[in-house]
N, C-alpha and C. Protein backbone atom coordinates (compact mmCIF):
# COMPACT_ATOMS: atom_id res chain seq x y z
N UNK A 1 -4.75 -21.75 -12.49
CA UNK A 1 -5.91 -21.94 -11.81
C UNK A 1 -6.63 -21.28 -13.21
N UNK A 2 -7.62 -21.57 -13.50
CA UNK A 2 -8.85 -21.35 -14.36
C UNK A 2 -10.24 -19.89 -13.55
N UNK A 3 -10.10 -18.49 -13.93
CA UNK A 3 -11.35 -18.24 -13.32
C UNK A 3 -12.29 -18.36 -14.16
N UNK A 4 -13.35 -19.19 -13.63
CA UNK A 4 -14.46 -19.44 -13.62
C UNK A 4 -16.09 -18.77 -13.39
N UNK A 5 -16.70 -18.97 -13.59
CA UNK A 5 -18.12 -18.24 -13.86
C UNK A 5 -18.34 -18.30 -13.03
N UNK A 6 -18.37 -19.70 -12.27
CA UNK A 6 -18.87 -20.19 -10.30
C UNK A 6 -17.75 -19.13 -9.41
N UNK A 7 -16.98 -18.87 -9.50
CA UNK A 7 -15.87 -18.68 -8.66
C UNK A 7 -15.89 -16.45 -9.22
N UNK A 8 -16.38 -15.88 -10.30
CA UNK A 8 -16.71 -14.85 -10.05
C UNK A 8 -18.02 -14.75 -9.47
N UNK A 9 -19.00 -15.28 -9.78
CA UNK A 9 -20.25 -15.20 -9.28
C UNK A 9 -20.30 -15.68 -7.56
N UNK A 10 -19.58 -16.19 -7.60
CA UNK A 10 -19.59 -16.60 -5.65
C UNK A 10 -19.20 -15.41 -5.37
N UNK A 11 -18.07 -14.71 -5.96
CA UNK A 11 -17.22 -13.42 -5.01
C UNK A 11 -17.95 -12.08 -5.29
N UNK A 12 -19.09 -11.92 -6.33
CA UNK A 12 -19.49 -10.63 -6.72
C UNK A 12 -20.76 -10.90 -7.08
N UNK A 13 -21.70 -11.87 -6.09
CA UNK A 13 -22.79 -11.32 -5.67
C UNK A 13 -23.77 -11.42 -7.29
N UNK A 14 -23.31 -11.28 -8.16
CA UNK A 14 -24.16 -11.04 -9.41
C UNK A 14 -24.80 -12.21 -9.75
N UNK A 15 -25.83 -11.68 -10.59
CA UNK A 15 -26.90 -13.08 -10.83
C UNK A 15 -25.97 -13.44 -12.38
N UNK A 16 -25.39 -12.77 -12.97
CA UNK A 16 -24.98 -13.46 -14.24
C UNK A 16 -23.47 -12.64 -14.71
N UNK A 17 -22.57 -12.92 -15.38
CA UNK A 17 -21.13 -12.42 -15.68
C UNK A 17 -21.68 -11.24 -16.41
N UNK A 18 -23.13 -11.04 -17.00
CA UNK A 18 -22.98 -9.38 -18.37
C UNK A 18 -22.93 -8.65 -16.95
N UNK A 19 -23.75 -9.12 -15.67
CA UNK A 19 -23.80 -7.77 -14.34
C UNK A 19 -22.34 -7.20 -13.66
N UNK A 20 -21.65 -8.09 -14.19
CA UNK A 20 -20.11 -7.90 -13.16
C UNK A 20 -19.51 -6.50 -13.88
N UNK A 21 -19.72 -5.50 -12.73
CA UNK A 21 -18.85 -4.36 -13.06
C UNK A 21 -17.84 -4.54 -12.35
N UNK A 22 -17.49 -4.98 -11.34
CA UNK A 22 -16.31 -4.89 -10.13
C UNK A 22 -16.15 -6.35 -9.60
N UNK A 23 -14.97 -6.85 -10.10
CA UNK A 23 -14.48 -7.73 -9.04
C UNK A 23 -13.09 -8.03 -8.71
N UNK A 24 -12.82 -8.07 -7.69
CA UNK A 24 -11.43 -8.50 -6.92
C UNK A 24 -10.99 -9.51 -6.19
N UNK A 25 -9.96 -10.24 -7.46
CA UNK A 25 -9.68 -10.98 -7.21
C UNK A 25 -7.84 -11.92 -7.06
N UNK A 26 -7.89 -10.96 -6.32
CA UNK A 26 -5.35 -10.63 -5.83
C UNK A 26 -5.44 -12.22 -5.14
N UNK A 27 -4.02 -12.98 -5.59
CA UNK A 27 -3.50 -13.59 -4.66
C UNK A 27 -4.52 -15.33 -4.50
N UNK A 28 -4.73 -15.25 -6.17
CA UNK A 28 -5.54 -16.28 -6.25
C UNK A 28 -4.42 -17.37 -7.06
N UNK A 29 -3.84 -17.47 -7.59
CA UNK A 29 -2.59 -18.25 -8.30
C UNK A 29 -3.47 -18.08 -10.17
N UNK A 30 -4.13 -17.17 -10.60
CA UNK A 30 -5.09 -17.09 -11.30
C UNK A 30 -3.96 -16.99 -12.51
N UNK A 31 -4.54 -18.29 -13.82
CA UNK A 31 -3.75 -18.00 -14.70
C UNK A 31 -4.31 -17.61 -16.28
N UNK A 32 -5.40 -18.47 -16.47
CA UNK A 32 -6.22 -18.50 -17.47
C UNK A 32 -7.74 -17.37 -17.51
N UNK A 33 -7.89 -16.38 -17.95
CA UNK A 33 -8.62 -14.83 -17.99
C UNK A 33 -9.23 -15.67 -18.96
N UNK A 34 -9.64 -16.41 -19.45
CA UNK A 34 -10.63 -16.41 -20.81
C UNK A 34 -11.55 -16.36 -20.27
N UNK A 35 -12.76 -16.30 -19.26
CA UNK A 35 -13.81 -16.08 -18.96
C UNK A 35 -14.40 -14.70 -18.99
N UNK A 36 -13.43 -13.54 -18.79
CA UNK A 36 -13.19 -12.08 -19.31
C UNK A 36 -14.50 -11.26 -20.83
N UNK A 37 -13.88 -13.05 -21.98
CA UNK A 37 -14.82 -12.29 -22.83
C UNK A 37 -16.45 -12.41 -22.80
N UNK A 38 -16.55 -12.97 -21.63
CA UNK A 38 -18.29 -12.68 -21.03
C UNK A 38 -18.39 -11.65 -20.42
N UNK A 39 -17.41 -11.10 -20.36
CA UNK A 39 -17.71 -9.81 -18.90
C UNK A 39 -17.83 -8.65 -19.75
N UNK A 40 -18.51 -8.22 -20.68
CA UNK A 40 -18.37 -7.26 -21.54
C UNK A 40 -18.41 -5.68 -20.32
N UNK A 41 -19.45 -6.00 -19.42
CA UNK A 41 -19.80 -4.88 -18.96
C UNK A 41 -18.35 -4.45 -17.47
N UNK A 42 -17.72 -4.97 -17.11
CA UNK A 42 -17.01 -5.20 -15.97
C UNK A 42 -16.25 -3.22 -16.30
N UNK A 43 -15.95 -2.97 -14.91
CA UNK A 43 -15.24 -1.59 -15.23
C UNK A 43 -13.79 -1.70 -14.45
N UNK A 44 -13.87 -2.45 -13.69
CA UNK A 44 -12.99 -2.07 -12.36
C UNK A 44 -12.57 -3.85 -12.39
N UNK A 45 -10.94 -4.20 -12.52
CA UNK A 45 -10.87 -5.45 -12.07
C UNK A 45 -9.64 -5.71 -11.08
N UNK A 46 -9.59 -6.02 -10.29
CA UNK A 46 -8.52 -5.54 -8.99
C UNK A 46 -8.14 -7.39 -9.01
N UNK A 47 -6.78 -7.60 -9.89
CA UNK A 47 -6.17 -8.76 -10.05
C UNK A 47 -4.59 -8.72 -9.54
N UNK A 48 -4.07 -8.92 -9.23
CA UNK A 48 -3.15 -8.07 -8.28
C UNK A 48 -2.49 -9.60 -7.56
N UNK A 49 -1.36 -9.74 -7.07
CA UNK A 49 -0.62 -11.35 -6.46
C UNK A 49 -1.12 -12.59 -7.39
N UNK A 50 -1.32 -12.48 -8.86
CA UNK A 50 -1.48 -13.93 -9.69
C UNK A 50 -0.35 -14.39 -10.12
N UNK A 51 -0.83 -14.65 -11.18
CA UNK A 51 0.18 -15.80 -12.37
C UNK A 51 -0.53 -15.51 -13.53
N UNK A 52 -1.11 -14.34 -13.96
CA UNK A 52 -1.31 -13.82 -14.95
C UNK A 52 -0.34 -13.37 -16.13
N UNK A 53 -0.23 -14.33 -17.28
CA UNK A 53 1.35 -14.15 -17.89
C UNK A 53 0.75 -12.92 -19.19
N UNK A 54 -0.07 -12.40 -19.76
CA UNK A 54 -1.05 -12.31 -21.16
C UNK A 54 -2.17 -11.28 -20.99
N UNK A 55 -2.55 -10.23 -21.51
CA UNK A 55 -2.96 -8.89 -21.51
C UNK A 55 -4.44 -9.52 -22.48
N UNK A 56 -4.03 -11.05 -23.64
CA UNK A 56 -5.11 -11.06 -24.89
C UNK A 56 -5.92 -10.85 -23.73
N UNK A 57 -6.85 -11.20 -23.04
CA UNK A 57 -8.19 -11.66 -22.69
C UNK A 57 -8.80 -10.57 -22.70
N UNK A 58 -7.75 -9.53 -21.91
CA UNK A 58 -8.22 -8.57 -21.57
C UNK A 58 -8.99 -7.50 -22.38
N UNK A 59 -8.51 -7.80 -23.23
CA UNK A 59 -8.93 -6.84 -25.01
C UNK A 59 -10.83 -6.64 -25.10
N UNK A 60 -10.94 -7.66 -24.54
CA UNK A 60 -13.14 -7.92 -24.72
C UNK A 60 -13.38 -6.34 -23.55
N UNK A 61 -13.15 -6.53 -22.42
CA UNK A 61 -13.63 -5.72 -21.88
C UNK A 61 -13.62 -4.01 -22.06
N UNK A 62 -14.50 -4.37 -22.79
CA UNK A 62 -14.54 -2.23 -23.40
C UNK A 62 -14.77 -1.18 -22.72
N UNK A 63 -15.31 -1.87 -21.13
CA UNK A 63 -15.74 -0.74 -20.57
C UNK A 63 -14.34 -0.77 -19.61
N UNK A 64 -13.54 -1.31 -19.49
CA UNK A 64 -12.91 -1.30 -18.01
C UNK A 64 -11.94 -0.03 -18.31
N UNK A 65 -11.99 0.09 -16.75
CA UNK A 65 -11.65 1.96 -16.05
C UNK A 65 -10.77 2.05 -15.35
N UNK A 66 -10.26 0.72 -14.53
CA UNK A 66 -9.33 0.51 -14.11
C UNK A 66 -9.10 -0.84 -14.04
N UNK A 67 -7.26 -1.20 -14.34
CA UNK A 67 -7.30 -2.49 -14.38
C UNK A 67 -5.64 -2.20 -13.18
N UNK A 68 -5.91 -3.73 -12.14
CA UNK A 68 -4.85 -4.11 -11.35
C UNK A 68 -3.96 -5.39 -11.11
N UNK A 69 -3.00 -5.21 -11.92
CA UNK A 69 -2.19 -6.43 -12.11
C UNK A 69 -0.60 -6.43 -11.38
N UNK A 70 -0.72 -5.78 -10.73
CA UNK A 70 0.34 -5.51 -10.05
C UNK A 70 1.44 -6.99 -9.40
N UNK A 71 1.89 -8.00 -9.71
CA UNK A 71 2.87 -9.25 -8.99
C UNK A 71 1.91 -9.71 -9.70
N UNK A 72 2.06 -10.28 -10.72
CA UNK A 72 1.74 -11.00 -12.03
C UNK A 72 2.85 -11.30 -12.68
N UNK A 73 2.82 -12.02 -14.23
CA UNK A 73 3.69 -12.95 -14.87
C UNK A 73 3.89 -12.34 -16.44
N UNK A 74 3.25 -10.79 -16.58
CA UNK A 74 3.43 -10.02 -17.60
C UNK A 74 4.62 -9.54 -17.81
N UNK A 75 5.40 -10.51 -19.13
CA UNK A 75 7.00 -10.78 -19.78
C UNK A 75 7.26 -9.18 -20.26
N UNK A 76 6.17 -8.86 -21.52
CA UNK A 76 6.42 -8.54 -22.68
C UNK A 76 5.67 -7.02 -23.02
N UNK A 77 6.19 -5.77 -23.33
CA UNK A 77 5.70 -4.88 -23.19
C UNK A 77 4.82 -5.07 -24.66
N UNK A 78 4.61 -5.66 -25.73
CA UNK A 78 4.33 -5.31 -26.40
C UNK A 78 2.51 -6.59 -26.37
N UNK A 79 2.39 -6.79 -25.02
CA UNK A 79 1.30 -6.94 -24.42
C UNK A 79 0.20 -6.06 -24.08
N UNK A 80 0.80 -5.01 -24.06
CA UNK A 80 0.14 -3.77 -24.51
C UNK A 80 -1.13 -3.05 -25.56
N UNK A 81 -0.28 -3.73 -26.38
CA UNK A 81 -0.97 -3.89 -27.80
C UNK A 81 -2.96 -4.48 -27.74
N UNK A 82 -2.90 -5.42 -26.76
CA UNK A 82 -4.31 -6.21 -26.62
C UNK A 82 -5.13 -4.73 -25.41
N UNK A 83 -4.55 -3.82 -24.70
CA UNK A 83 -5.15 -2.93 -24.30
C UNK A 83 -5.28 -1.32 -24.77
N UNK A 84 -4.62 -1.01 -26.37
CA UNK A 84 -4.81 0.14 -26.87
C UNK A 84 -6.07 0.31 -27.45
N UNK A 85 -7.37 -0.77 -27.60
CA UNK A 85 -8.79 -0.54 -28.05
C UNK A 85 -9.51 -0.15 -26.86
N UNK A 86 -9.02 -0.03 -24.81
CA UNK A 86 -10.16 -0.03 -24.66
C UNK A 86 -10.00 1.83 -23.72
N UNK A 87 -10.76 2.30 -24.58
CA UNK A 87 -10.72 3.91 -24.47
C UNK A 87 -11.62 4.46 -23.33
N UNK A 88 -11.91 3.44 -22.24
CA UNK A 88 -11.97 4.09 -21.13
C UNK A 88 -11.61 3.99 -20.27
N UNK A 89 -10.14 3.02 -20.26
CA UNK A 89 -9.05 2.87 -19.18
C UNK A 89 -7.83 4.19 -18.59
N UNK A 90 -9.01 4.87 -17.36
CA UNK A 90 -7.99 5.13 -16.84
C UNK A 90 -6.59 5.31 -15.73
N UNK A 91 -6.94 4.18 -15.12
CA UNK A 91 -5.81 3.47 -14.63
C UNK A 91 -5.40 2.15 -14.69
N UNK A 92 -4.17 2.00 -14.70
CA UNK A 92 -3.72 0.75 -14.68
C UNK A 92 -2.64 0.34 -14.07
N UNK A 93 -2.03 -0.62 -12.96
CA UNK A 93 -0.79 -0.83 -12.56
C UNK A 93 -0.61 -2.38 -12.76
N UNK A 94 0.86 -2.60 -13.41
CA UNK A 94 1.85 -3.09 -13.74
C UNK A 94 2.92 -3.59 -12.81
N UNK A 95 3.14 -2.63 -11.74
CA UNK A 95 4.24 -3.24 -11.06
C UNK A 95 4.85 -4.10 -10.88
N UNK A 96 5.91 -4.10 -10.79
CA UNK A 96 5.94 -5.40 -10.32
C UNK A 96 6.21 -7.08 -11.35
N UNK A 97 5.79 -6.40 -12.04
CA UNK A 97 5.88 -7.35 -13.60
C UNK A 97 7.08 -7.39 -14.16
N UNK A 98 7.69 -8.35 -15.03
CA UNK A 98 8.84 -8.12 -15.51
C UNK A 98 8.91 -7.05 -16.42
N UNK A 99 8.12 -6.88 -17.09
CA UNK A 99 7.62 -6.00 -17.91
C UNK A 99 8.45 -4.62 -18.03
N UNK A 100 7.95 -4.75 -16.70
CA UNK A 100 8.01 -3.36 -15.68
C UNK A 100 9.33 -3.16 -15.25
N UNK A 101 10.63 -3.87 -15.66
CA UNK A 101 11.98 -3.56 -15.44
C UNK A 101 12.40 -2.87 -16.38
N UNK A 102 11.93 -2.77 -17.56
CA UNK A 102 12.73 -1.76 -18.35
C UNK A 102 12.81 -0.21 -18.36
N UNK A 103 13.90 -0.17 -18.96
CA UNK A 103 14.20 1.13 -18.10
C UNK A 103 13.10 2.39 -18.88
N UNK A 104 12.67 2.24 -19.83
CA UNK A 104 11.31 2.96 -20.32
C UNK A 104 10.19 2.81 -20.49
N UNK A 105 10.18 1.82 -19.60
CA UNK A 105 8.96 1.51 -19.01
C UNK A 105 7.79 1.74 -19.09
N UNK A 106 7.72 2.82 -18.32
CA UNK A 106 6.65 3.88 -18.33
C UNK A 106 6.45 4.89 -19.16
N UNK A 107 7.28 5.09 -19.51
CA UNK A 107 7.16 6.63 -20.86
C UNK A 107 6.95 5.56 -21.84
N UNK A 108 7.13 4.06 -22.49
CA UNK A 108 6.39 3.34 -23.63
C UNK A 108 4.63 3.28 -23.12
N UNK A 109 4.45 2.66 -21.75
CA UNK A 109 2.84 2.42 -21.45
C UNK A 109 2.02 4.33 -21.88
N UNK A 110 3.07 5.27 -21.27
CA UNK A 110 1.76 6.26 -21.62
C UNK A 110 1.85 6.76 -23.18
N UNK A 111 3.05 6.32 -23.80
CA UNK A 111 2.68 6.62 -25.13
C UNK A 111 2.22 5.50 -25.77
N UNK A 112 1.25 4.85 -25.44
CA UNK A 112 0.14 3.22 -25.50
C UNK A 112 -0.92 3.42 -25.48
N UNK A 113 -1.22 3.79 -24.49
CA UNK A 113 -2.40 3.74 -23.64
C UNK A 113 -2.54 5.58 -23.05
N UNK A 114 -2.65 6.48 -24.59
CA UNK A 114 -2.77 7.80 -23.85
C UNK A 114 -3.98 8.12 -23.60
N UNK A 115 -4.70 7.36 -23.20
CA UNK A 115 -6.58 7.39 -22.03
C UNK A 115 -6.38 7.43 -20.46
N UNK A 116 -4.73 7.04 -20.40
CA UNK A 116 -4.27 6.82 -19.11
C UNK A 116 -4.11 8.01 -18.00
N UNK A 117 -4.71 8.24 -16.85
CA UNK A 117 -4.31 9.47 -16.05
C UNK A 117 -3.60 9.09 -14.53
N UNK A 118 -2.94 7.34 -14.68
CA UNK A 118 -2.86 7.24 -13.73
C UNK A 118 -1.94 5.74 -14.29
N UNK A 119 -0.77 5.83 -13.95
CA UNK A 119 0.19 4.40 -14.01
C UNK A 119 0.62 4.14 -12.55
N UNK A 120 0.50 3.01 -12.33
CA UNK A 120 0.99 1.86 -10.89
C UNK A 120 1.01 3.51 -9.82
N UNK A 121 0.21 3.67 -9.71
CA UNK A 121 -0.45 4.86 -8.13
C UNK A 121 0.11 5.93 -8.78
N UNK A 122 0.45 6.50 -9.91
CA UNK A 122 0.83 7.68 -9.39
C UNK A 122 0.87 8.36 -10.77
N UNK A 123 -0.06 9.79 -10.41
CA UNK A 123 -0.83 10.62 -11.59
C UNK A 123 0.18 10.13 -12.92
N UNK A 124 -0.18 10.97 -14.27
CA UNK A 124 0.64 11.28 -15.51
C UNK A 124 0.70 12.66 -15.79
N UNK A 125 1.56 13.29 -15.94
CA UNK A 125 1.81 14.24 -15.86
C UNK A 125 1.99 14.85 -17.01
N UNK A 126 1.77 16.00 -17.25
CA UNK A 126 1.78 16.30 -18.94
C UNK A 126 3.23 16.62 -19.02
N UNK A 127 4.33 16.94 -18.39
CA UNK A 127 5.35 16.83 -19.13
C UNK A 127 5.95 15.15 -19.37
N UNK A 128 5.59 14.18 -18.71
CA UNK A 128 5.83 13.07 -19.21
C UNK A 128 5.23 12.05 -20.30
N UNK A 129 4.50 12.86 -20.77
CA UNK A 129 3.24 12.62 -21.63
C UNK A 129 4.24 13.38 -23.30
N UNK A 130 4.71 14.69 -22.74
CA UNK A 130 5.49 14.93 -23.17
C UNK A 130 6.93 14.70 -23.86
N UNK A 131 7.37 13.77 -22.88
CA UNK A 131 8.80 13.36 -22.67
C UNK A 131 8.47 11.73 -23.63
N UNK A 132 7.60 11.25 -23.27
CA UNK A 132 6.76 10.06 -24.28
C UNK A 132 6.78 10.37 -25.36
N UNK A 133 6.46 11.91 -25.77
CA UNK A 133 6.22 12.10 -27.26
C UNK A 133 7.28 12.30 -27.66
N UNK A 134 7.71 12.63 -27.65
CA UNK A 134 9.37 13.22 -28.13
C UNK A 134 10.26 12.02 -27.67
N UNK A 135 10.60 10.60 -27.32
CA UNK A 135 11.09 9.39 -26.53
C UNK A 135 10.94 8.39 -28.27
N UNK A 136 11.95 7.96 -29.19
CA UNK A 136 11.97 7.26 -29.95
C UNK A 136 11.70 5.94 -29.90
N UNK A 137 10.99 5.04 -29.87
CA UNK A 137 10.89 3.59 -28.91
C UNK A 137 10.79 2.76 -30.02
N UNK A 138 11.68 2.79 -31.72
CA UNK A 138 11.58 2.02 -32.52
C UNK A 138 12.98 0.73 -32.32
N UNK A 139 14.21 0.75 -31.54
CA UNK A 139 14.70 0.25 -31.24
C UNK A 139 14.69 -0.39 -29.80
N UNK A 140 13.38 -0.06 -29.16
CA UNK A 140 13.41 -1.19 -28.05
C UNK A 140 13.11 -2.52 -28.51
N UNK A 141 13.95 -3.42 -27.27
CA UNK A 141 13.29 -4.88 -27.40
C UNK A 141 11.69 -5.05 -26.55
N UNK A 142 10.70 -5.25 -27.11
CA UNK A 142 9.71 -5.19 -26.37
C UNK A 142 9.01 -7.09 -25.99
N UNK A 143 9.82 -7.83 -26.81
CA UNK A 143 9.55 -9.48 -26.62
C UNK A 143 8.33 -9.48 -27.47
N UNK A 144 7.23 -10.48 -27.79
CA UNK A 144 6.03 -10.63 -28.00
C UNK A 144 5.27 -11.24 -27.43
N UNK A 145 4.16 -10.26 -27.86
CA UNK A 145 2.99 -10.56 -27.39
C UNK A 145 2.90 -11.70 -26.94
N UNK A 146 2.00 -12.01 -25.32
CA UNK A 146 1.61 -13.81 -25.70
C UNK A 146 0.66 -13.91 -25.68
N UNK A 147 0.16 -15.23 -26.54
CA UNK A 147 -1.27 -15.42 -26.64
C UNK A 147 -2.35 -15.85 -25.43
N UNK A 148 -3.80 -15.56 -25.64
CA UNK A 148 -4.60 -16.08 -24.65
C UNK A 148 -4.32 -17.43 -24.27
N UNK A 149 -4.36 -17.81 -23.24
CA UNK A 149 -4.63 -19.41 -22.73
C UNK A 149 -5.84 -20.29 -23.87
N UNK A 150 -5.80 -20.89 -24.08
CA UNK A 150 -7.04 -21.88 -24.23
C UNK A 150 -7.26 -22.83 -22.90
N UNK A 151 -8.85 -22.34 -22.83
CA UNK A 151 -9.71 -23.17 -21.85
C UNK A 151 -9.30 -23.95 -21.28
N UNK A 152 -9.44 -24.07 -20.41
CA UNK A 152 -8.96 -25.63 -19.93
C UNK A 152 -10.30 -26.39 -19.17
N UNK A 153 -10.80 -27.26 -20.14
CA UNK A 153 -12.20 -28.45 -19.40
C UNK A 153 -12.18 -28.76 -17.63
N UNK A 154 -11.36 -28.88 -17.38
CA UNK A 154 -11.24 -29.04 -16.23
C UNK A 154 -10.67 -28.50 -15.36
N UNK A 155 -11.21 -26.98 -14.78
CA UNK A 155 -10.61 -26.13 -13.99
C UNK A 155 -10.30 -26.46 -12.46
N UNK A 156 -9.37 -25.76 -12.07
CA UNK A 156 -9.16 -26.20 -9.86
C UNK A 156 -10.21 -25.14 -9.30
N UNK A 157 -10.51 -25.79 -9.10
CA UNK A 157 -11.32 -24.05 -8.18
C UNK A 157 -10.48 -24.11 -6.92
N UNK A 158 -10.90 -22.39 -6.72
CA UNK A 158 -10.19 -22.05 -5.84
C UNK A 158 -10.89 -22.13 -4.39
N UNK A 159 -10.30 -22.19 -3.77
CA UNK A 159 -11.02 -22.38 -2.05
C UNK A 159 -11.40 -21.46 -1.66
N UNK A 160 -10.75 -20.94 -1.31
CA UNK A 160 -11.47 -19.28 -0.65
C UNK A 160 -12.46 -18.63 -1.30
N UNK A 161 -12.71 -18.88 -2.64
CA UNK A 161 -14.18 -18.43 -2.82
C UNK A 161 -15.09 -18.82 -2.33
N UNK A 162 -14.79 -20.23 -2.51
CA UNK A 162 -16.30 -21.08 -2.03
C UNK A 162 -16.27 -20.96 -0.49
N UNK A 163 -15.47 -21.02 0.29
CA UNK A 163 -15.52 -20.88 1.43
C UNK A 163 -14.49 -19.83 2.19
N UNK A 164 -15.00 -18.51 1.70
CA UNK A 164 -14.46 -17.21 2.44
C UNK A 164 -13.91 -17.36 3.73
N UNK A 165 -13.44 -16.34 4.37
CA UNK A 165 -13.21 -16.28 5.61
C UNK A 165 -14.42 -15.14 6.57
N UNK A 166 -14.40 -15.83 8.00
CA UNK A 166 -15.33 -15.33 8.57
C UNK A 166 -15.43 -13.60 7.92
N UNK A 167 -16.58 -13.13 8.02
CA UNK A 167 -16.89 -11.86 8.05
C UNK A 167 -17.47 -10.78 9.00
N UNK A 168 -16.55 -10.11 9.44
CA UNK A 168 -16.75 -9.32 10.98
C UNK A 168 -17.70 -8.47 10.08
N UNK A 169 -17.82 -7.96 9.19
CA UNK A 169 -19.73 -7.24 9.14
C UNK A 169 -20.53 -8.17 8.92
N UNK A 170 -20.67 -8.98 8.39
CA UNK A 170 -22.11 -9.48 8.53
C UNK A 170 -22.37 -10.23 10.09
N UNK A 171 -20.82 -10.62 10.66
CA UNK A 171 -21.25 -10.57 12.01
C UNK A 171 -22.06 -9.57 12.93
N UNK A 172 -21.64 -8.35 12.94
CA UNK A 172 -21.86 -7.39 13.16
C UNK A 172 -23.81 -6.81 12.61
N UNK A 173 -23.55 -7.60 11.52
CA UNK A 173 -25.21 -7.39 10.92
C UNK A 173 -26.11 -8.44 11.48
N UNK A 174 -25.38 -8.97 12.45
CA UNK A 174 -26.45 -10.23 12.82
C UNK A 174 -25.90 -9.89 14.04
N UNK A 175 -26.13 -9.13 14.95
CA UNK A 175 -25.94 -8.75 16.24
C UNK A 175 -27.38 -8.08 17.00
N UNK A 176 -28.44 -7.43 15.66
CA UNK A 176 -29.24 -7.34 15.80
C UNK A 176 -29.75 -6.07 17.09
N UNK A 177 -30.69 -5.20 16.87
CA UNK A 177 -31.26 -4.42 17.87
C UNK A 177 -30.21 -3.15 17.57
N UNK A 178 -30.79 -2.08 17.87
CA UNK A 178 -30.15 -1.12 17.39
C UNK A 178 -28.70 -0.32 17.02
N UNK A 179 -28.36 0.12 17.17
CA UNK A 179 -26.51 0.64 16.98
C UNK A 179 -26.37 -0.55 15.47
N UNK A 180 -26.84 -0.81 15.10
CA UNK A 180 -25.88 -2.25 13.78
C UNK A 180 -25.10 -1.04 13.39
N UNK A 181 -25.11 -0.11 12.55
CA UNK A 181 -24.26 0.58 11.73
C UNK A 181 -23.20 1.19 12.56
N UNK A 182 -22.80 1.45 13.55
CA UNK A 182 -21.24 1.88 13.86
C UNK A 182 -20.55 0.32 14.20
N UNK A 183 -21.59 -0.65 14.44
CA UNK A 183 -20.65 -2.03 14.35
C UNK A 183 -20.71 -1.85 13.01
N UNK A 184 -20.74 -2.09 12.14
CA UNK A 184 -20.75 -2.71 10.64
C UNK A 184 -19.79 -1.73 10.03
N UNK A 185 -19.68 -0.08 10.65
CA UNK A 185 -18.64 0.59 10.46
C UNK A 185 -17.31 -0.07 10.75
N UNK A 186 -17.18 -0.56 12.13
CA UNK A 186 -16.09 -0.59 12.60
C UNK A 186 -15.77 -1.97 12.03
N UNK A 187 -16.43 -2.75 11.54
CA UNK A 187 -16.30 -4.71 10.99
C UNK A 187 -15.87 -3.58 9.49
N UNK A 188 -16.12 -2.69 8.79
CA UNK A 188 -15.56 -2.22 7.32
C UNK A 188 -14.33 -1.76 7.34
N UNK A 189 -14.21 -0.98 8.02
CA UNK A 189 -12.58 -0.02 9.06
C UNK A 189 -11.18 -1.61 9.66
N UNK A 190 -11.92 -2.55 10.25
CA UNK A 190 -11.23 -3.84 10.36
C UNK A 190 -10.29 -4.22 8.87
N UNK A 191 -11.90 -4.54 8.24
CA UNK A 191 -10.87 -5.50 6.89
C UNK A 191 -10.55 -4.86 6.47
N UNK A 192 -10.51 -3.29 6.45
CA UNK A 192 -9.50 -2.36 5.48
C UNK A 192 -8.50 -2.79 5.79
N UNK A 193 -7.69 -3.47 6.91
CA UNK A 193 -6.52 -3.21 7.03
C UNK A 193 -5.79 -4.56 6.62
N UNK A 194 -6.55 -5.60 6.11
CA UNK A 194 -6.02 -6.63 5.21
C UNK A 194 -6.33 -6.61 4.00
N UNK A 195 -6.07 -5.25 3.03
CA UNK A 195 -6.46 -5.39 1.75
C UNK A 195 -4.67 -4.81 1.59
N UNK A 196 -4.76 -5.09 0.41
CA UNK A 196 -3.19 -4.46 -0.36
C UNK A 196 -3.68 -2.88 -0.60
N UNK A 197 -2.45 -2.37 -1.10
CA UNK A 197 -2.74 -0.82 -1.93
C UNK A 197 -3.69 -0.72 -3.26
N UNK A 198 -3.19 -2.03 -4.13
CA UNK A 198 -4.12 -2.18 -5.23
C UNK A 198 -5.85 -2.74 -4.85
N UNK A 199 -5.94 -3.16 -3.50
CA UNK A 199 -7.65 -3.39 -3.88
C UNK A 199 -7.94 -2.23 -2.48
N UNK A 200 -6.75 -1.26 -2.09
CA UNK A 200 -7.55 -0.05 -1.18
C UNK A 200 -7.81 1.21 -2.09
N UNK A 201 -7.29 1.45 -3.84
CA UNK A 201 -7.27 1.76 -4.65
C UNK A 201 -9.12 1.85 -5.14
N UNK A 202 -9.07 -0.20 -5.30
CA UNK A 202 -10.40 -0.28 -5.90
C UNK A 202 -11.15 -0.16 -5.19
N UNK A 203 -11.44 0.00 -3.51
CA UNK A 203 -12.16 0.86 -2.05
C UNK A 203 -13.02 1.97 -2.98
N UNK A 204 -11.62 2.10 -2.97
CA UNK A 204 -11.90 3.93 -2.77
C UNK A 204 -12.82 3.78 -4.29
N UNK A 205 -12.55 3.72 -4.91
CA UNK A 205 -12.71 4.14 -6.57
C UNK A 205 -14.27 3.70 -6.11
N UNK A 206 -14.37 2.42 -5.52
CA UNK A 206 -16.06 2.40 -5.35
C UNK A 206 -16.98 2.68 -4.59
N UNK A 207 -16.65 3.75 -3.44
CA UNK A 207 -16.43 4.55 -2.26
C UNK A 207 -17.13 5.89 -2.88
N UNK A 208 -15.94 6.01 -4.35
CA UNK A 208 -16.28 7.35 -4.78
C UNK A 208 -17.97 7.09 -5.81
N UNK A 209 -17.86 6.36 -6.50
CA UNK A 209 -18.85 5.81 -7.24
C UNK A 209 -20.14 6.37 -6.17
N UNK A 210 -20.46 5.58 -5.63
CA UNK A 210 -21.78 5.28 -4.59
C UNK A 210 -21.28 6.58 -4.10
N UNK A 211 -20.86 7.18 -3.66
CA UNK A 211 -21.09 9.11 -3.22
C UNK A 211 -21.81 9.86 -4.62
N UNK A 212 -21.32 9.79 -5.60
CA UNK A 212 -21.87 10.62 -6.85
C UNK A 212 -23.24 10.53 -7.10
N UNK A 213 -23.30 8.59 -6.96
CA UNK A 213 -24.72 8.61 -6.85
C UNK A 213 -25.91 8.67 -5.42
N UNK A 214 -25.43 9.63 -4.48
CA UNK A 214 -26.34 9.69 -3.63
C UNK A 214 -26.39 11.38 -3.36
């Protein structure tokens, strides 16, 4: 499945791709992420439980701070080269990808991406950084990096984006009368029960951003 402009804008309600800062599309069987080349302002990408096999397209996201890719199809640790230039990247999730099965996986990621502060939900410690610096990775079999897929001329749309499930929060807002805020809060808390750990982490990050701005 190709990630399209229509799908991104429908999910984020942004007016253009350049305005997108946060995108959550986990569980949509996505394979082609070439549209990211037009999303240079994006800061948080939650794309777990898809079928992404390459990190190549993420190299264009220079403002990226959080990348959630749990349960995809990244097979080669060599693909980390595509993320080396992302100096703002602090949080990365790659667990449950084939590449994460390597015994030196965590230390190698830490050595390649020194700006990271959290990997797969766990803080990176000073001890781990020191161990990564001491480790000789020269004999590791990393595999070949996977090139980005060529854009497909007739992408298949994702039905869930065009017709999202009913939104309790929206229903609560439409109830009218006083007491709308408690109803909205209750609806939001209900929605949180349906999110996976990656999505919950993204929600927490967004809440922190909003609180800092108030």
